[in-house]
PDB file of N, CA and C in Angstrom:
ATOM      1  N   MET A   1      88.656 119.119  86.298  1.00  0.00           N
ATOM      2  CA  MET A   1      88.441 118.784  87.694  1.00  0.00           C
ATOM      3  C   MET A   1      89.753 118.780  88.474  1.00  0.00           C
ATOM      4  N   SER A   2      90.828 118.280  87.879  1.00  0.00           N
ATOM      5  CA  SER A   2      92.084 118.199  88.615  1.00  0.00           C
ATOM      6  C   SER A   2      92.634 119.583  88.940  1.00  0.00           C
ATOM      7  N   ASN A   3      92.394 120.581  88.069  1.00  0.00           N
ATOM      8  CA  ASN A   3      92.844 121.932  88.392  1.00  0.00           C
ATOM      9  C   ASN A   3      92.085 122.482  89.593  1.00  0.00           C
ATOM     10  N   ARG A   4      90.815 122.146  89.708  1.00  0.00           N
ATOM     11  CA  ARG A   4      90.035 122.605  90.851  1.00  0.00           C
ATOM     12  C   ARG A   4      90.570 121.993  92.151  1.00  0.00           C
ATOM     13  N   LEU A   5      90.889 120.707  92.133  1.00  0.00           N
ATOM     14  CA  LEU A   5      91.451 120.068  93.323  1.00  0.00           C
ATOM     15  C   LEU A   5      92.799 120.654  93.700  1.00  0.00           C
ATOM     16  N   ARG A   6      93.562 121.090  92.717  1.00  0.00           N
ATOM     17  CA  ARG A   6      94.876 121.672  92.989  1.00  0.00           C
ATOM     18  C   ARG A   6      94.795 123.167  93.274  1.00  0.00           C
ATOM     19  N   ASN A   7      93.577 123.723  93.297  1.00  0.00           N
ATOM     20  CA  ASN A   7      93.327 125.136  93.570  1.00  0.00           C
ATOM     21  C   ASN A   7      93.998 126.033  92.521  1.00  0.00           C
ATOM     22  N   LEU A   8      93.900 125.624  91.249  1.00  0.00           N
ATOM     23  CA  LEU A   8      94.453 126.388  90.138  1.00  0.00           C
ATOM     24  C   LEU A   8      93.309 126.951  89.301  1.00  0.00           C
ATOM     25  N   ALA A   9      93.616 127.965  88.510  1.00  0.00           N
ATOM     26  CA  ALA A   9      92.612 128.561  87.627  1.00  0.00           C
ATOM     27  C   ALA A   9      92.142 127.528  86.609  1.00  0.00           C
ATOM     28  N   ASP A  10      90.897 127.700  86.121  1.00  0.00           N
ATOM     29  CA  ASP A  10      90.335 126.752  85.153  1.00  0.00           C
ATOM     30  C   ASP A  10      91.170 126.645  83.885  1.00  0.00           C
ATOM     31  N   ASP A  11      91.822 127.750  83.490  1.00  0.00           N
ATOM     32  CA  ASP A  11      92.609 127.725  82.254  1.00  0.00           C
ATOM     33  C   ASP A  11      94.072 127.329  82.484  1.00  0.00           C
ATOM     34  N   ALA A  12      94.417 126.935  83.695  1.00  0.00           N
ATOM     35  CA  ALA A  12      95.795 126.485  83.977  1.00  0.00           C
ATOM     36  C   ALA A  12      96.057 125.162  83.267  1.00  0.00           C
ATOM     37  N   HIS A  13      97.316 124.928  82.984  1.00  0.00           N
ATOM     38  CA  HIS A  13      97.715 123.701  82.288  1.00  0.00           C
ATOM     39  C   HIS A  13      97.294 122.469  83.084  1.00  0.00           C
ATOM     40  N   ALA A  14      96.626 121.560  82.420  1.00  0.00           N
ATOM     41  CA  ALA A  14      96.228 120.306  83.061  1.00  0.00           C
ATOM     42  C   ALA A  14      97.443 119.388  83.170  1.00  0.00           C
ATOM     43  N   PRO A  15      97.408 118.413  84.065  1.00  0.00           N
ATOM     44  CA  PRO A  15      98.523 117.465  84.152  1.00  0.00           C
ATOM     45  C   PRO A  15      98.718 116.735  82.822  1.00  0.00           C
ATOM     46  N   TYR A  16      99.950 116.378  82.535  1.00  0.00           N
ATOM     47  CA  TYR A  16     100.238 115.618  81.322  1.00  0.00           C
ATOM     48  C   TYR A  16      99.641 114.218  81.450  1.00  0.00           C
ATOM     49  N   PRO A  17      99.256 113.624  80.323  1.00  0.00           N
ATOM     50  CA  PRO A  17      98.742 112.242  80.383  1.00  0.00           C
ATOM     51  C   PRO A  17      99.811 111.310  80.977  1.00  0.00           C
ATOM     52  N   THR A  18      99.369 110.384  81.775  1.00  0.00           N
ATOM     53  CA  THR A  18     100.286 109.456  82.424  1.00  0.00           C
ATOM     54  C   THR A  18      99.855 108.033  82.108  1.00  0.00           C
ATOM     55  N   TYR A  19     100.826 107.204  81.789  1.00  0.00           N
ATOM     56  CA  TYR A  19     100.565 105.796  81.503  1.00  0.00           C
ATOM     57  C   TYR A  19     101.240 104.973  82.589  1.00  0.00           C
ATOM     58  N   HIS A  20     100.446 104.345  83.429  1.00  0.00           N
ATOM     59  CA  HIS A  20     100.962 103.580  84.561  1.00  0.00           C
ATOM     60  C   HIS A  20     101.178 102.133  84.141  1.00  0.00           C
ATOM     61  N   ARG A  21     102.444 101.757  83.979  1.00  0.00           N
ATOM     62  CA  ARG A  21     102.751 100.393  83.564  1.00  0.00           C
ATOM     63  C   ARG A  21     103.587  99.644  84.588  1.00  0.00           C
ATOM     64  N   LEU A  22     104.242 100.357  85.466  1.00  0.00           N
ATOM     65  CA  LEU A  22     105.064  99.734  86.506  1.00  0.00           C
ATOM     66  C   LEU A  22     104.545 100.236  87.848  1.00  0.00           C
ATOM     67  N   ASN A  23     103.461  99.632  88.315  1.00  0.00           N
ATOM     68  CA  ASN A  23     102.764 100.129  89.496  1.00  0.00           C
ATOM     69  C   ASN A  23     103.082  99.400  90.788  1.00  0.00           C
ATOM     70  N   SER A  24     104.013  98.469  90.758  1.00  0.00           N
ATOM     71  CA  SER A  24     104.328  97.735  91.979  1.00  0.00           C
ATOM     72  C   SER A  24     105.816  97.419  92.010  1.00  0.00           C
ATOM     73  N   ARG A  25     106.291  97.109  93.204  1.00  0.00           N
ATOM     74  CA  ARG A  25     107.702  96.719  93.330  1.00  0.00           C
ATOM     75  C   ARG A  25     107.986  95.478  92.494  1.00  0.00           C
ATOM     76  N   ARG A  26     107.033  94.551  92.433  1.00  0.00           N
ATOM     77  CA  ARG A  26     107.211  93.323  91.648  1.00  0.00           C
ATOM     78  C   ARG A  26     107.332  93.642  90.158  1.00  0.00           C
ATOM     79  N   GLN A  27     106.452  94.499  89.633  1.00  0.00           N
ATOM     80  CA  GLN A  27     106.511  94.862  88.214  1.00  0.00           C
ATOM     81  C   GLN A  27     107.829  95.562  87.881  1.00  0.00           C
ATOM     82  N   ILE A  28     108.300  96.411  88.771  1.00  0.00           N
ATOM     83  CA  ILE A  28     109.575  97.100  88.548  1.00  0.00           C
ATOM     84  C   ILE A  28     110.722  96.103  88.559  1.00  0.00           C
ATOM     85  N   ALA A  29     110.721  95.189  89.533  1.00  0.00           N
ATOM     86  CA  ALA A  29     111.786  94.181  89.620  1.00  0.00           C
ATOM     87  C   ALA A  29     111.792  93.288  88.386  1.00  0.00           C
ATOM     88  N   ASP A  30     110.624  92.881  87.912  1.00  0.00           N
ATOM     89  CA  ASP A  30     110.544  92.036  86.720  1.00  0.00           C
ATOM     90  C   ASP A  30     111.076  92.762  85.487  1.00  0.00           C
ATOM     91  N   ALA A  31     110.652  94.003  85.288  1.00  0.00           N
ATOM     92  CA  ALA A  31     111.105  94.774  84.128  1.00  0.00           C
ATOM     93  C   ALA A  31     112.604  95.056  84.218  1.00  0.00           C
ATOM     94  N   ALA A  32     113.094  95.388  85.396  1.00  0.00           N
ATOM     95  CA  ALA A  32     114.528  95.636  85.576  1.00  0.00           C
ATOM     96  C   ALA A  32     115.322  94.374  85.265  1.00  0.00           C
ATOM     97  N   GLY A  33     114.845  93.227  85.745  1.00  0.00           N
ATOM     98  CA  GLY A  33     115.524  91.957  85.493  1.00  0.00           C
ATOM     99  C   GLY A  33     115.599  91.634  84.013  1.00  0.00           C
ATOM    100  N   ARG A  34     114.515  91.893  83.267  1.00  0.00           N
ATOM    101  CA  ARG A  34     114.518  91.640  81.820  1.00  0.00           C
ATOM    102  C   ARG A  34     115.533  92.521  81.099  1.00  0.00           C
ATOM    103  N   CYS A  35     115.865  93.662  81.685  1.00  0.00           N
ATOM    104  CA  CYS A  35     116.834  94.586  81.083  1.00  0.00           C
ATOM    105  C   CYS A  35     118.236  94.426  81.656  1.00  0.00           C
ATOM    106  N   GLY A  36     118.423  93.439  82.530  1.00  0.00           N
ATOM    107  CA  GLY A  36     119.751  93.184  83.085  1.00  0.00           C
ATOM    108  C   GLY A  36     120.100  94.009  84.311  1.00  0.00           C
ATOM    109  N   PHE A  37     119.113  94.539  84.969  1.00  0.00           N
ATOM    110  CA  PHE A  37     119.338  95.343  86.169  1.00  0.00           C
ATOM    111  C   PHE A  37     118.766  94.628  87.391  1.00  0.00           C
ATOM    112  N   SER A  38     119.209  95.044  88.562  1.00  0.00           N
ATOM    113  CA  SER A  38     118.588  94.631  89.819  1.00  0.00           C
ATOM    114  C   SER A  38     118.113  95.890  90.529  1.00  0.00           C
ATOM    115  N   VAL A  39     117.121  95.735  91.379  1.00  0.00           N
ATOM    116  CA  VAL A  39     116.553  96.874  92.097  1.00  0.00           C
ATOM    117  C   VAL A  39     117.196  96.948  93.475  1.00  0.00           C
ATOM    118  N   ALA A  40     117.740  98.103  93.801  1.00  0.00           N
ATOM    119  CA  ALA A  40     118.312  98.348  95.124  1.00  0.00           C
ATOM    120  C   ALA A  40     117.514  99.458  95.795  1.00  0.00           C
ATOM    121  N   GLN A  41     117.286  99.338  97.046  1.00  0.00           N
ATOM    122  CA  GLN A  41     116.641 100.373  97.859  1.00  0.00           C
ATOM    123  C   GLN A  41     115.258 100.788  97.373  1.00  0.00           C
ATOM    124  N   PRO A  42     114.343  99.847  97.089  1.00  0.00           N
ATOM    125  CA  PRO A  42     112.997 100.293  96.715  1.00  0.00           C
ATOM    126  C   PRO A  42     112.314 100.940  97.921  1.00  0.00           C
ATOM    127  N   THR A  43     111.750 102.106  97.713  1.00  0.00           N
ATOM    128  CA  THR A  43     111.115 102.853  98.786  1.00  0.00           C
ATOM    129  C   THR A  43     109.751 103.340  98.317  1.00  0.00           C
ATOM    130  N   LEU A  44     108.733 103.135  99.118  1.00  0.00           N
ATOM    131  CA  LEU A  44     107.404 103.654  98.808  1.00  0.00           C
ATOM    132  C   LEU A  44     107.129 104.842  99.719  1.00  0.00           C
ATOM    133  N   ILE A  45     106.651 105.935  99.136  1.00  0.00           N
ATOM    134  CA  ILE A  45     106.349 107.135  99.917  1.00  0.00           C
ATOM    135  C   ILE A  45     105.006 107.720  99.476  1.00  0.00           C
ATOM    136  N   GLU A  46     104.406 108.457 100.350  1.00  0.00           N
ATOM    137  CA  GLU A  46     103.218 109.251 100.033  1.00  0.00           C
ATOM    138  C   GLU A  46     103.629 110.698 100.190  1.00  0.00           C
ATOM    139  N   LYS A  47     103.469 111.482  99.125  1.00  0.00           N
ATOM    140  CA  LYS A  47     103.874 112.883  99.140  1.00  0.00           C
ATOM    141  C   LYS A  47     102.814 113.764  99.811  1.00  0.00           C
ATOM    142  N   GLU A  48     103.192 115.017 100.065  1.00  0.00           N
ATOM    143  CA  GLU A  48     102.255 115.971 100.654  1.00  0.00           C
ATOM    144  C   GLU A  48     101.058 116.143  99.716  1.00  0.00           C
ATOM    145  N   PRO A  49      99.894 116.362 100.255  1.00  0.00           N
ATOM    146  CA  PRO A  49      98.667 116.363  99.448  1.00  0.00           C
ATOM    147  C   PRO A  49      98.354 117.711  98.799  1.00  0.00           C
ATOM    148  N   SER A  50      99.244 118.209  97.956  1.00  0.00           N
ATOM    149  CA  SER A  50      99.006 119.501  97.315  1.00  0.00           C
ATOM    150  C   SER A  50      97.776 119.463  96.413  1.00  0.00           C
ATOM    151  N   TYR A  51      97.352 118.273  95.977  1.00  0.00           N
ATOM    152  CA  TYR A  51      96.177 118.141  95.121  1.00  0.00           C
ATOM    153  C   TYR A  51      94.881 118.399  95.894  1.00  0.00           C
ATOM    154  N   GLY A  52      94.940 118.576  97.193  1.00  0.00           N
ATOM    155  CA  GLY A  52      93.741 118.840  97.979  1.00  0.00           C
ATOM    156  C   GLY A  52      93.630 120.286  98.428  1.00  0.00           C
ATOM    157  N   MET A  53      94.335 121.181  97.749  1.00  0.00           N
ATOM    158  CA  MET A  53      94.383 122.583  98.183  1.00  0.00           C
ATOM    159  C   MET A  53      93.088 123.359  97.925  1.00  0.00           C
ATOM    160  N   SER A  54      92.117 122.756  97.270  1.00  0.00           N
ATOM    161  CA  SER A  54      90.888 123.487  96.977  1.00  0.00           C
ATOM    162  C   SER A  54      90.041 123.718  98.222  1.00  0.00           C
ATOM    163  N   SER A  55      90.293 122.947  99.275  1.00  0.00           N
ATOM    164  CA  SER A  55      89.491 123.048 100.479  1.00  0.00           C
ATOM    165  C   SER A  55      90.367 122.732 101.687  1.00  0.00           C
ATOM    166  N   LYS A  56      90.262 123.545 102.716  1.00  0.00           N
ATOM    167  CA  LYS A  56      91.053 123.297 103.919  1.00  0.00           C
ATOM    168  C   LYS A  56      90.700 121.943 104.535  1.00  0.00           C
ATOM    169  N   ALA A  57      89.405 121.623 104.578  1.00  0.00           N
ATOM    170  CA  ALA A  57      88.972 120.339 105.160  1.00  0.00           C
ATOM    171  C   ALA A  57      89.518 119.170 104.334  1.00  0.00           C
ATOM    172  N   LEU A  58      89.457 119.285 103.011  1.00  0.00           N
ATOM    173  CA  LEU A  58      89.972 118.227 102.145  1.00  0.00           C
ATOM    174  C   LEU A  58      91.477 118.086 102.312  1.00  0.00           C
ATOM    175  N   PHE A  59      92.180 119.209 102.372  1.00  0.00           N
ATOM    176  CA  PHE A  59      93.625 119.179 102.556  1.00  0.00           C
ATOM    177  C   PHE A  59      93.988 118.498 103.882  1.00  0.00           C
ATOM    178  N   LEU A  60      93.287 118.849 104.945  1.00  0.00           N
ATOM    179  CA  LEU A  60      93.584 118.247 106.251  1.00  0.00           C
ATOM    180  C   LEU A  60      93.278 116.749 106.263  1.00  0.00           C
ATOM    181  N   LEU A  61      92.217 116.342 105.572  1.00  0.00           N
ATOM    182  CA  LEU A  61      91.911 114.920 105.455  1.00  0.00           C
ATOM    183  C   LEU A  61      93.021 114.194 104.703  1.00  0.00           C
ATOM    184  N   PHE A  62      93.457 114.749 103.575  1.00  0.00           N
ATOM    185  CA  PHE A  62      94.542 114.147 102.787  1.00  0.00           C
ATOM    186  C   PHE A  62      95.851 114.153 103.567  1.00  0.00           C
ATOM    187  N   LEU A  63      96.091 115.209 104.339  1.00  0.00           N
ATOM    188  CA  LEU A  63      97.304 115.299 105.152  1.00  0.00           C
ATOM    189  C   LEU A  63      97.309 114.195 106.218  1.00  0.00           C
ATOM    190  N   ALA A  64      96.168 113.967 106.831  1.00  0.00           N
ATOM    191  CA  ALA A  64      96.069 112.895 107.828  1.00  0.00           C
ATOM    192  C   ALA A  64      96.356 111.540 107.184  1.00  0.00           C
ATOM    193  N   TYR A  65      95.839 111.328 105.969  1.00  0.00           N
ATOM    194  CA  TYR A  65      96.116 110.080 105.251  1.00  0.00           C
ATOM    195  C   TYR A  65      97.612 109.947 104.967  1.00  0.00           C
ATOM    196  N   GLU A  66      98.236 111.012 104.485  1.00  0.00           N
ATOM    197  CA  GLU A  66      99.678 110.988 104.189  1.00  0.00           C
ATOM    198  C   GLU A  66     100.485 110.651 105.433  1.00  0.00           C
ATOM    199  N   ARG A  67     100.166 111.276 106.548  1.00  0.00           N
ATOM    200  CA  ARG A  67     100.887 111.017 107.799  1.00  0.00           C
ATOM    201  C   ARG A  67     100.666 109.582 108.266  1.00  0.00           C
ATOM    202  N   LEU A  68      99.444 109.077 108.123  1.00  0.00           N
ATOM    203  CA  LEU A  68      99.131 107.721 108.567  1.00  0.00           C
ATOM    204  C   LEU A  68      99.905 106.672 107.765  1.00  0.00           C
ATOM    205  N   VAL A  69      99.854 106.758 106.439  1.00  0.00           N
ATOM    206  CA  VAL A  69     100.495 105.710 105.641  1.00  0.00           C
ATOM    207  C   VAL A  69     102.022 105.802 105.658  1.00  0.00           C
ATOM    208  N   ASN A  70     102.567 106.977 105.973  1.00  0.00           N
ATOM    209  CA  ASN A  70     104.022 107.105 106.091  1.00  0.00           C
ATOM    210  C   ASN A  70     104.527 106.744 107.488  1.00  0.00           C
ATOM    211  N   ALA A  71     103.606 106.557 108.441  1.00  0.00           N
ATOM    212  CA  ALA A  71     104.007 106.325 109.833  1.00  0.00           C
ATOM    213  C   ALA A  71     104.496 104.911 110.102  1.00  0.00           C
ATOM    214  N   THR A  72     104.068 103.948 109.284  1.00  0.00           N
ATOM    215  CA  THR A  72     104.427 102.558 109.559  1.00  0.00           C
ATOM    216  C   THR A  72     104.620 101.792 108.254  1.00  0.00           C
ATOM    217  N   ASP A  73     105.566 100.873 108.247  1.00  0.00           N
ATOM    218  CA  ASP A  73     105.806 100.046 107.064  1.00  0.00           C
ATOM    219  C   ASP A  73     104.634  99.112 106.769  1.00  0.00           C
ATOM    220  N   ALA A  74     103.812  98.855 107.765  1.00  0.00           N
ATOM    221  CA  ALA A  74     102.652  97.988 107.558  1.00  0.00           C
ATOM    222  C   ALA A  74     101.683  98.583 106.526  1.00  0.00           C
ATOM    223  N   LEU A  75     101.705  99.903 106.355  1.00  0.00           N
ATOM    224  CA  LEU A  75     100.811 100.574 105.409  1.00  0.00           C
ATOM    225  C   LEU A  75     101.530 101.029 104.142  1.00  0.00           C
ATOM    226  N   ALA A  76     102.748 100.558 103.930  1.00  0.00           N
ATOM    227  CA  ALA A  76     103.550 100.994 102.777  1.00  0.00           C
ATOM    228  C   ALA A  76     102.845 100.713 101.452  1.00  0.00           C
ATOM    229  N   GLY A  77     102.082  99.646 101.383  1.00  0.00           N
ATOM    230  CA  GLY A  77     101.387  99.313 100.150  1.00  0.00           C
ATOM    231  C   GLY A  77     100.331 100.320  99.735  1.00  0.00           C
ATOM    232  N   LEU A  78      99.952 101.222 100.632  1.00  0.00           N
ATOM    233  CA  LEU A  78      98.952 102.248 100.328  1.00  0.00           C
ATOM    234  C   LEU A  78      99.582 103.554  99.849  1.00  0.00           C
ATOM    235  N   ARG A  79     100.900 103.601  99.793  1.00  0.00           N
ATOM    236  CA  ARG A  79     101.595 104.811  99.347  1.00  0.00           C
ATOM    237  C   ARG A  79     101.594 104.880  97.825  1.00  0.00           C
ATOM    238  N   ALA A  80     101.585 106.091  97.292  1.00  0.00           N
ATOM    239  CA  ALA A  80     101.396 106.283  95.855  1.00  0.00           C
ATOM    240  C   ALA A  80     102.679 106.347  95.032  1.00  0.00           C
ATOM    241  N   ASN A  81     103.826 106.539  95.644  1.00  0.00           N
ATOM    242  CA  ASN A  81     105.057 106.752  94.892  1.00  0.00           C
ATOM    243  C   ASN A  81     106.098 105.699  95.232  1.00  0.00           C
ATOM    244  N   ILE A  82     106.760 105.206  94.189  1.00  0.00           N
ATOM    245  CA  ILE A  82     107.821 104.222  94.370  1.00  0.00           C
ATOM    246  C   ILE A  82     109.125 104.844  93.878  1.00  0.00           C
ATOM    247  N   LEU A  83     110.105 104.868  94.752  1.00  0.00           N
ATOM    248  CA  LEU A  83     111.438 105.364  94.397  1.00  0.00           C
ATOM    249  C   LEU A  83     112.420 104.215  94.543  1.00  0.00           C
ATOM    250  N   GLY A  84     113.438 104.224  93.729  1.00  0.00           N
ATOM    251  CA  GLY A  84     114.422 103.163  93.846  1.00  0.00           C
ATOM    252  C   GLY A  84     115.648 103.433  92.987  1.00  0.00           C
ATOM    253  N   VAL A  85     116.585 102.551  93.109  1.00  0.00           N
ATOM    254  CA  VAL A  85     117.821 102.628  92.344  1.00  0.00           C
ATOM    255  C   VAL A  85     117.957 101.312  91.592  1.00  0.00           C
ATOM    256  N   LEU A  86     118.263 101.401  90.301  1.00  0.00           N
ATOM    257  CA  LEU A  86     118.541 100.213  89.496  1.00  0.00           C
ATOM    258  C   LEU A  86     120.039 100.096  89.338  1.00  0.00           C
ATOM    259  N   ARG A  87     120.539  98.867  89.452  1.00  0.00           N
ATOM    260  CA  ARG A  87     121.977  98.632  89.342  1.00  0.00           C
ATOM    261  C   ARG A  87     122.249  97.576  88.289  1.00  0.00           C
ATOM    262  N   ARG A  88     123.356  97.787  87.592  1.00  0.00           N
ATOM    263  CA  ARG A  88     123.839  96.753  86.673  1.00  0.00           C
ATOM    264  C   ARG A  88     124.773  95.842  87.435  1.00  0.00           C
ATOM    265  N   PRO A  89     124.682  94.549  87.189  1.00  0.00           N
ATOM    266  CA  PRO A  89     125.592  93.618  87.894  1.00  0.00           C
ATOM    267  C   PRO A  89     127.041  93.811  87.446  1.00  0.00           C
TER     268      PRO A  89
END
C-alpha cells in the first residue's frame, strides 16, 4: 500500500521497518539526559507530502496540511519530524 501512495511500482522496495521510540521532545530530552546530553534547538517540521503522489487531489490535500501546520507554532505538535542538536556539557 505504501508504494501505491508514493506512486511507485508494486515491486519497488518498500520502506524499511521503523521503530518509533522517541516520538516527542520530552522523550528525546529524557533519553538525552540519561546519556549525559542536553537538547539544543529542538525543531518540529512537516516535510513535503511526497507520499501522496498517487493522486493529484490527495497530494494537494496533504500539501495544504503541510503548509497549515508549518505556518504557526501553535500547530507544531502536529508536525511529523523532530530535528535537534544534542550537546555534551
